[in-house]
């Protein structure tokens, strides 16, 4: 495979490089793209130092796949160049996720959708991926009608700057120094912020809307109703989500546990409940606290955790690329 990575110096871009190396993919060429300030620098890959490049005319020629870890605006700017070069663009931004012609893919759930692409495949939102991995097995038992979710999202979901802001604020609080807020709208150290993204006219944030809109598309469940509250918490890595749901038919805890255990990429956590620390730096989505819901008749409540830099972003994109390469006609 000949692969390009956009945004290679960011948290997700660097994780993409690591995932490709970990999975020992047959990489004939790897091109790493970043901003002009990174020119002259390199990043390691399989014992070599790969020089960083900028996006310019002809830079995507002869590539098979381009993995994107850049903003919506840059993604829209670069997509026509990638298409012209004949490469498949696997985009981690939200620029194309809800377009009818663009598959929105979690390989374990709807990998076959990737084969219907027209040059672009979208990687879903990180908390959406982790949540749907936890409930996709339930959807196979009976279609999900309603889902109420609260997300507890790590600061790394805001990029490398999120790490630094939490660290500097914690040190500032402990040392009695003034707190600066640049990445997050309010102090994140020793705090929770129930606001991720921009508000729409209904008071729903853009991050919260993704759970419903993307969930319907990925699960092929157009009638799915989701109420979601997204919260930024002072955790470095891995998102956690509390989910209560009701299916078309009543389901039992035993059915849910068995279905999850038989679903690729997700596990019932053996010690009762997972936490962000236990789910970090690996690709399994852990599920725990599975119990009957006391509001939804025949419903289920559960808790799940997953590494949003890996399975919620980088690994999922690499898995899409693998799926395409494996299913070449």
Protein backbone atom coordinates (compact mmCIF):
# COMPACT_ATOMS: atom_id res chain seq x y z
CA UNK A 1 0.00 0.00 0.00
CA UNK A 2 1.07 3.55 -0.73
CA UNK A 3 -0.34 5.76 2.02
CA UNK A 4 -0.48 9.46 2.77
CA UNK A 5 -1.38 10.99 6.14
CA UNK A 6 -2.68 14.54 6.45
CA UNK A 7 -2.05 16.23 9.81
CA UNK A 8 0.71 13.77 10.62
CA UNK A 9 2.11 15.79 13.55
CA UNK A 10 -1.18 15.98 15.47
CA UNK A 11 -2.34 13.51 18.12
CA UNK A 12 -4.49 11.51 15.68
CA UNK A 13 -1.95 11.70 12.84
CA UNK A 14 0.83 10.37 15.04
CA UNK A 15 -1.47 7.60 16.28
CA UNK A 16 -2.28 6.65 12.68
CA UNK A 17 1.44 6.16 12.01
CA UNK A 18 1.78 4.04 15.14
CA UNK A 19 -1.28 1.93 14.27
CA UNK A 20 0.00 1.24 10.75
CA UNK A 21 3.32 0.11 12.21
CA UNK A 22 1.70 -1.99 14.96
CA UNK A 23 -0.54 -3.77 12.48
CA UNK A 24 2.47 -4.55 10.30
CA UNK A 25 0.76 -3.44 7.11
CA UNK A 26 2.48 -3.94 3.79
CA UNK A 27 3.46 -0.31 3.21
CA UNK A 28 5.33 0.39 0.01
CA UNK A 29 5.44 4.13 0.62
CA UNK A 30 4.34 6.47 3.43
CA UNK A 31 4.01 10.22 2.82
CA UNK A 32 3.50 12.45 5.83
CA UNK A 33 1.92 15.88 5.41
CA UNK A 34 1.91 18.76 7.87
CA UNK A 35 2.03 22.56 7.94
CA UNK A 36 4.92 24.64 6.63
CA UNK A 37 6.36 25.06 10.12
CA UNK A 38 7.13 21.32 10.15
CA UNK A 39 9.23 21.38 6.98
CA UNK A 40 12.68 19.96 7.62
CA UNK A 41 11.41 17.75 10.44
CA UNK A 42 10.83 13.99 10.39
CA UNK A 43 8.70 11.37 12.15
CA UNK A 44 9.80 7.78 12.86
CA UNK A 45 8.27 4.80 11.06
CA UNK A 46 9.63 1.24 11.15
CA UNK A 47 13.10 2.34 12.12
CA UNK A 48 13.31 5.08 9.53
CA UNK A 49 12.82 8.84 9.66
CA UNK A 50 10.11 10.01 7.24
CA UNK A 51 10.41 13.67 6.16
CA UNK A 52 7.37 15.89 6.61
CA UNK A 53 5.91 17.48 3.50
CA UNK A 54 3.38 20.18 2.71
CA UNK A 55 0.32 19.77 0.52
CA UNK A 56 1.04 21.07 -2.96
CA UNK A 57 0.12 20.33 -6.56
CA UNK A 58 0.75 16.68 -7.45
CA UNK A 59 1.68 15.60 -3.91
CA UNK A 60 -0.95 12.83 -3.80
CA UNK A 61 -0.05 11.23 -7.13
CA UNK A 62 0.40 7.42 -7.11
CA UNK A 63 -0.99 7.03 -3.58
CA UNK A 64 -3.62 4.36 -2.89
CA UNK A 65 -5.04 5.88 0.30
CA UNK A 66 -4.90 9.19 2.13
CA UNK A 67 -5.84 9.30 5.82
CA UNK A 68 -7.03 12.72 6.97
CA UNK A 69 -6.54 14.20 10.44
CA UNK A 70 -7.14 17.85 9.61
CA UNK A 71 -9.89 20.43 10.06
CA UNK A 72 -13.16 20.47 8.11
CA UNK A 73 -11.96 23.42 6.05
CA UNK A 74 -8.67 21.79 5.05
CA UNK A 75 -10.41 18.49 4.38
CA UNK A 76 -12.77 20.17 1.92
CA UNK A 77 -9.83 21.94 0.30
CA UNK A 78 -7.72 18.81 -0.11
CA UNK A 79 -10.44 16.29 -1.07
CA UNK A 80 -10.62 17.35 -4.77
CA UNK A 81 -6.83 17.07 -5.06
CA UNK A 82 -6.91 13.57 -3.58
CA UNK A 83 -9.76 12.55 -5.88
CA UNK A 84 -7.90 13.90 -8.92
CA UNK A 85 -4.87 11.81 -7.96
CA UNK A 86 -7.03 8.67 -7.83
CA UNK A 87 -6.49 7.90 -4.14
CA UNK A 88 -9.23 6.98 -1.66
CA UNK A 89 -9.64 9.62 1.04
CA UNK A 90 -10.49 8.35 4.55
CA UNK A 91 -11.42 11.52 6.40
CA UNK A 92 -11.45 11.94 10.17
CA UNK A 93 -13.16 15.35 10.11
CA UNK A 94 -16.92 15.87 10.07
CA UNK A 95 -16.85 17.60 6.67
CA UNK A 96 -18.46 14.79 4.67
CA UNK A 97 -20.03 12.46 7.27
CA UNK A 98 -23.67 13.13 6.49
CA UNK A 99 -23.39 13.37 2.72
CA UNK A 100 -25.45 10.63 1.05
CA UNK A 101 -22.65 9.62 -1.33
CA UNK A 102 -20.07 9.28 1.46
CA UNK A 103 -20.05 6.06 3.53
CA UNK A 104 -19.72 6.61 7.29
CA UNK A 105 -17.98 3.50 8.55
CA UNK A 106 -17.10 1.54 11.66
CA UNK A 107 -15.69 -1.66 10.07
CA UNK A 108 -17.00 -4.06 12.73
CA UNK A 109 -20.52 -2.65 12.34
CA UNK A 110 -20.99 -1.64 8.68
CA UNK A 111 -17.71 -2.37 6.92
CA UNK A 112 -19.51 -3.32 3.71
CA UNK A 113 -20.65 0.30 3.33
CA UNK A 114 -17.03 1.27 2.65
CA UNK A 115 -17.13 -0.66 -0.63
CA UNK A 116 -19.76 1.75 -1.98
CA UNK A 117 -17.49 4.79 -1.80
CA UNK A 118 -16.99 7.33 -4.58
CA UNK A 119 -13.53 8.37 -3.46
CA UNK A 120 -14.28 9.51 0.10
CA UNK A 121 -15.06 7.52 3.25
CA UNK A 122 -15.82 9.30 6.52
CA UNK A 123 -14.57 8.29 9.94
CA UNK A 124 -17.34 8.88 12.54
CA UNK A 125 -17.14 11.08 15.63
CA UNK A 126 -15.02 9.55 18.40
CA UNK A 127 -17.73 9.24 21.07
CA UNK A 128 -20.16 7.95 18.43
CA UNK A 129 -17.75 5.15 17.48
CA UNK A 130 -17.21 4.09 21.09
CA UNK A 131 -20.92 4.18 21.93
CA UNK A 132 -22.02 2.31 18.82
CA UNK A 133 -19.36 -0.35 19.32
CA UNK A 134 -20.94 -0.96 22.74
CA UNK A 135 -24.53 -1.15 21.45
CA UNK A 136 -24.16 -2.60 17.94
CA UNK A 137 -24.53 -6.14 19.27
CA UNK A 138 -27.80 -5.10 20.92
CA UNK A 139 -29.03 -3.64 17.64
CA UNK A 140 -28.58 -7.13 16.15
CA UNK A 141 -30.93 -8.59 18.77
CA UNK A 142 -33.60 -5.97 18.13
CA UNK A 143 -33.50 -2.52 16.45
CA UNK A 144 -32.85 0.26 18.96
CA UNK A 145 -35.74 2.74 19.17
CA UNK A 146 -34.50 5.23 21.74
CA UNK A 147 -31.16 5.97 23.35
CA UNK A 148 -30.25 8.40 26.13
CA UNK A 149 -26.51 8.99 26.47
CA UNK A 150 -24.17 11.11 28.57
CA UNK A 151 -20.56 11.29 27.42
CA UNK A 152 -17.54 11.96 29.63
CA UNK A 153 -14.94 13.04 27.12
CA UNK A 154 -11.20 13.26 27.71
CA UNK A 155 -9.26 16.45 27.00
CA UNK A 156 -7.27 14.73 24.25
CA UNK A 157 -10.46 14.82 22.19
CA UNK A 158 -9.61 18.49 21.66
CA UNK A 159 -6.17 17.63 20.27
CA UNK A 160 -2.66 17.99 21.67
CA UNK A 161 -3.59 21.39 23.11
CA UNK A 162 -6.07 19.72 25.44
CA UNK A 163 -3.31 17.77 27.19
CA UNK A 164 -1.28 20.90 27.77
CA UNK A 165 -4.17 22.98 29.06
CA UNK A 166 -5.22 20.40 31.65
CA UNK A 167 -1.65 19.94 32.85
CA UNK A 168 -0.92 23.66 33.11
CA UNK A 169 -4.20 24.35 34.89
CA UNK A 170 -3.67 21.56 37.43
CA UNK A 171 -0.21 22.92 38.17
CA UNK A 172 -1.63 26.43 38.35
CA UNK A 173 -4.34 25.47 40.84
CA UNK A 174 -1.90 23.55 43.03
CA UNK A 175 0.56 26.44 43.03
CA UNK A 176 -1.98 29.22 43.44
CA UNK A 177 -1.36 30.73 40.02
CA UNK A 178 -3.83 32.39 37.66
CA UNK A 179 -5.66 29.99 35.35
CA UNK A 180 -5.70 30.57 31.59
CA UNK A 181 -8.39 29.07 29.32
CA UNK A 182 -7.39 28.87 25.67
CA UNK A 183 -8.58 25.45 24.48
CA UNK A 184 -11.70 25.05 26.63
CA UNK A 185 -14.38 27.67 27.41
CA UNK A 186 -13.97 27.28 31.18
CA UNK A 187 -11.41 25.82 33.58
CA UNK A 188 -11.11 22.08 32.97
CA UNK A 189 -8.82 21.25 35.91
CA UNK A 190 -10.88 19.75 38.76
CA UNK A 191 -14.01 20.61 36.78
CA UNK A 192 -16.52 19.34 34.19
CA UNK A 193 -17.71 21.33 31.18
CA UNK A 194 -21.12 20.32 29.69
CA UNK A 195 -20.44 22.09 26.41
CA UNK A 196 -18.55 20.54 23.50
CA UNK A 197 -19.03 22.17 20.12
CA UNK A 198 -21.39 24.95 19.11
CA UNK A 199 -25.06 25.35 20.12
CA UNK A 200 -27.89 25.15 17.62
CA UNK A 201 -31.25 26.91 17.95
CA UNK A 202 -32.63 24.00 19.99
CA UNK A 203 -29.86 24.21 22.58
CA UNK A 204 -28.18 21.04 21.32
CA UNK A 205 -24.44 21.16 20.70
CA UNK A 206 -22.86 20.02 17.44
CA UNK A 207 -21.13 17.19 19.34
CA UNK A 208 -24.44 15.97 20.77
CA UNK A 209 -26.19 16.03 17.39
CA UNK A 210 -23.54 13.74 15.94
CA UNK A 211 -24.62 10.84 18.13
CA UNK A 212 -28.12 10.80 16.61
CA UNK A 213 -27.32 11.75 13.03
CA UNK A 214 -24.26 9.54 12.66
CA UNK A 215 -25.80 6.70 14.66
CA UNK A 216 -28.75 6.46 12.28
CA UNK A 217 -26.47 6.24 9.27
CA UNK A 218 -24.00 3.71 10.70
CA UNK A 219 -26.64 1.39 12.19
CA UNK A 220 -28.93 1.71 9.13
CA UNK A 221 -31.60 2.73 11.61
CA UNK A 222 -33.30 5.90 10.29
CA UNK A 223 -35.86 6.02 13.10
CA UNK A 224 -33.34 6.00 15.95
CA UNK A 225 -33.99 8.73 18.53
CA UNK A 226 -31.11 9.93 20.69
CA UNK A 227 -30.92 12.37 23.56
CA UNK A 228 -27.31 13.13 24.38
CA UNK A 229 -25.36 15.39 26.74
CA UNK A 230 -21.63 15.70 26.02
CA UNK A 231 -19.34 16.64 28.89
CA UNK A 232 -15.60 17.41 28.86
CA UNK A 233 -13.93 15.95 31.96
CA UNK A 234 -10.41 16.32 33.40
CA UNK A 235 -9.17 12.98 32.06
CA UNK A 236 -6.24 12.82 29.66
CA UNK A 237 -7.30 9.94 27.45
CA UNK A 238 -10.29 7.70 26.68
CA UNK A 239 -13.97 8.66 26.53
CA UNK A 240 -16.65 7.11 28.73
CA UNK A 241 -20.35 6.98 27.95
CA UNK A 242 -23.43 6.12 30.03
CA UNK A 243 -26.18 4.70 27.80
CA UNK A 244 -29.81 3.79 28.43
CA UNK A 245 -31.75 2.33 25.53
CA UNK A 246 -34.98 0.68 24.50
CA UNK A 247 -35.33 -1.70 21.57
CA UNK A 248 -38.37 -2.71 19.56
CA UNK A 249 -38.65 -5.78 21.76
CA UNK A 250 -37.72 -6.33 25.41
CA UNK A 251 -34.20 -7.68 25.95
CA UNK A 252 -32.48 -9.17 28.97
CA UNK A 253 -29.12 -8.53 30.59
CA UNK A 254 -28.09 -12.08 29.76
CA UNK A 255 -28.88 -11.57 26.07
CA UNK A 256 -26.89 -8.35 26.01
CA UNK A 257 -23.83 -9.82 27.72
CA UNK A 258 -23.78 -12.81 25.38
CA UNK A 259 -24.18 -10.63 22.28
CA UNK A 260 -21.39 -8.25 23.30
CA UNK A 261 -19.01 -11.11 24.06
CA UNK A 262 -19.56 -12.41 20.52
CA UNK A 263 -19.04 -9.03 18.85
CA UNK A 264 -15.62 -8.18 17.44
CA UNK A 265 -13.76 -5.33 19.11
CA UNK A 266 -15.86 -5.05 22.28
CA UNK A 267 -15.76 -6.92 25.58
CA UNK A 268 -17.74 -7.11 28.80
CA UNK A 269 -15.22 -5.90 31.38
CA UNK A 270 -14.41 -8.73 33.76
CA UNK A 271 -13.90 -6.62 36.88
CA UNK A 272 -17.39 -5.12 36.92
CA UNK A 273 -16.80 -1.74 35.37
CA UNK A 274 -14.11 -0.21 33.15
CA UNK A 275 -12.56 3.22 33.57
CA UNK A 276 -10.70 5.49 31.15
CA UNK A 277 -7.33 4.39 32.52
CA UNK A 278 -8.05 0.73 31.79
CA UNK A 279 -9.32 1.40 28.28
CA UNK A 280 -6.45 3.67 27.19
CA UNK A 281 -3.71 2.81 24.70
CA UNK A 282 -5.51 -0.14 23.15
CA UNK A 283 -8.40 -0.71 20.73
CA UNK A 284 -11.02 -2.71 22.62
CA UNK A 285 -14.19 -0.92 23.78
CA UNK A 286 -15.02 -2.15 27.28
CA UNK A 287 -18.59 -2.42 28.59
CA UNK A 288 -19.74 -2.79 32.19
CA UNK A 289 -22.56 -1.95 34.63
CA UNK A 290 -25.03 -3.75 32.33
CA UNK A 291 -28.43 -3.75 34.01
CA UNK A 292 -32.16 -3.51 33.42
CA UNK A 293 -33.33 0.05 32.90
CA UNK A 294 -35.99 1.21 35.36
CA UNK A 295 -37.50 3.83 33.00
CA UNK A 296 -37.60 2.06 29.62
CA UNK A 297 -39.77 -1.10 29.74
CA UNK A 298 -37.54 -3.97 28.68
CA UNK A 299 -34.65 -1.52 28.26
CA UNK A 300 -30.99 -1.74 29.17
CA UNK A 301 -28.51 0.63 30.81
CA UNK A 302 -24.75 0.24 30.43
CA UNK A 303 -21.42 2.01 30.77
CA UNK A 304 -18.63 1.89 28.19
CA UNK A 305 -15.10 3.21 27.80
CA UNK A 306 -12.79 3.41 24.80
CA UNK A 307 -9.63 5.13 23.65
CA UNK A 308 -10.88 7.94 21.45
CA UNK A 309 -7.47 8.66 19.90
CA UNK A 310 -7.16 5.03 18.82
CA UNK A 311 -10.49 3.24 18.16
CA UNK A 312 -12.36 6.54 18.22
CA UNK A 313 -10.18 8.00 15.47
CA UNK A 314 -6.84 6.67 14.20
CA UNK A 315 -7.34 2.91 14.47
CA UNK A 316 -10.81 3.07 12.95
CA UNK A 317 -9.44 4.93 9.92
CA UNK A 318 -6.63 2.41 9.50
CA UNK A 319 -9.14 -0.44 9.83
CA UNK A 320 -11.25 1.10 7.04
CA UNK A 321 -8.16 1.18 4.84
CA UNK A 322 -7.42 -2.46 5.68
CA UNK A 323 -11.01 -3.44 4.92
CA UNK A 324 -10.84 -1.79 1.50
CA UNK A 325 -7.50 -3.36 0.70
CA UNK A 326 -8.70 -6.82 1.76
CA UNK A 327 -11.90 -6.55 -0.29
CA UNK A 328 -10.36 -5.25 -3.50
CA UNK A 329 -12.20 -6.51 -6.58
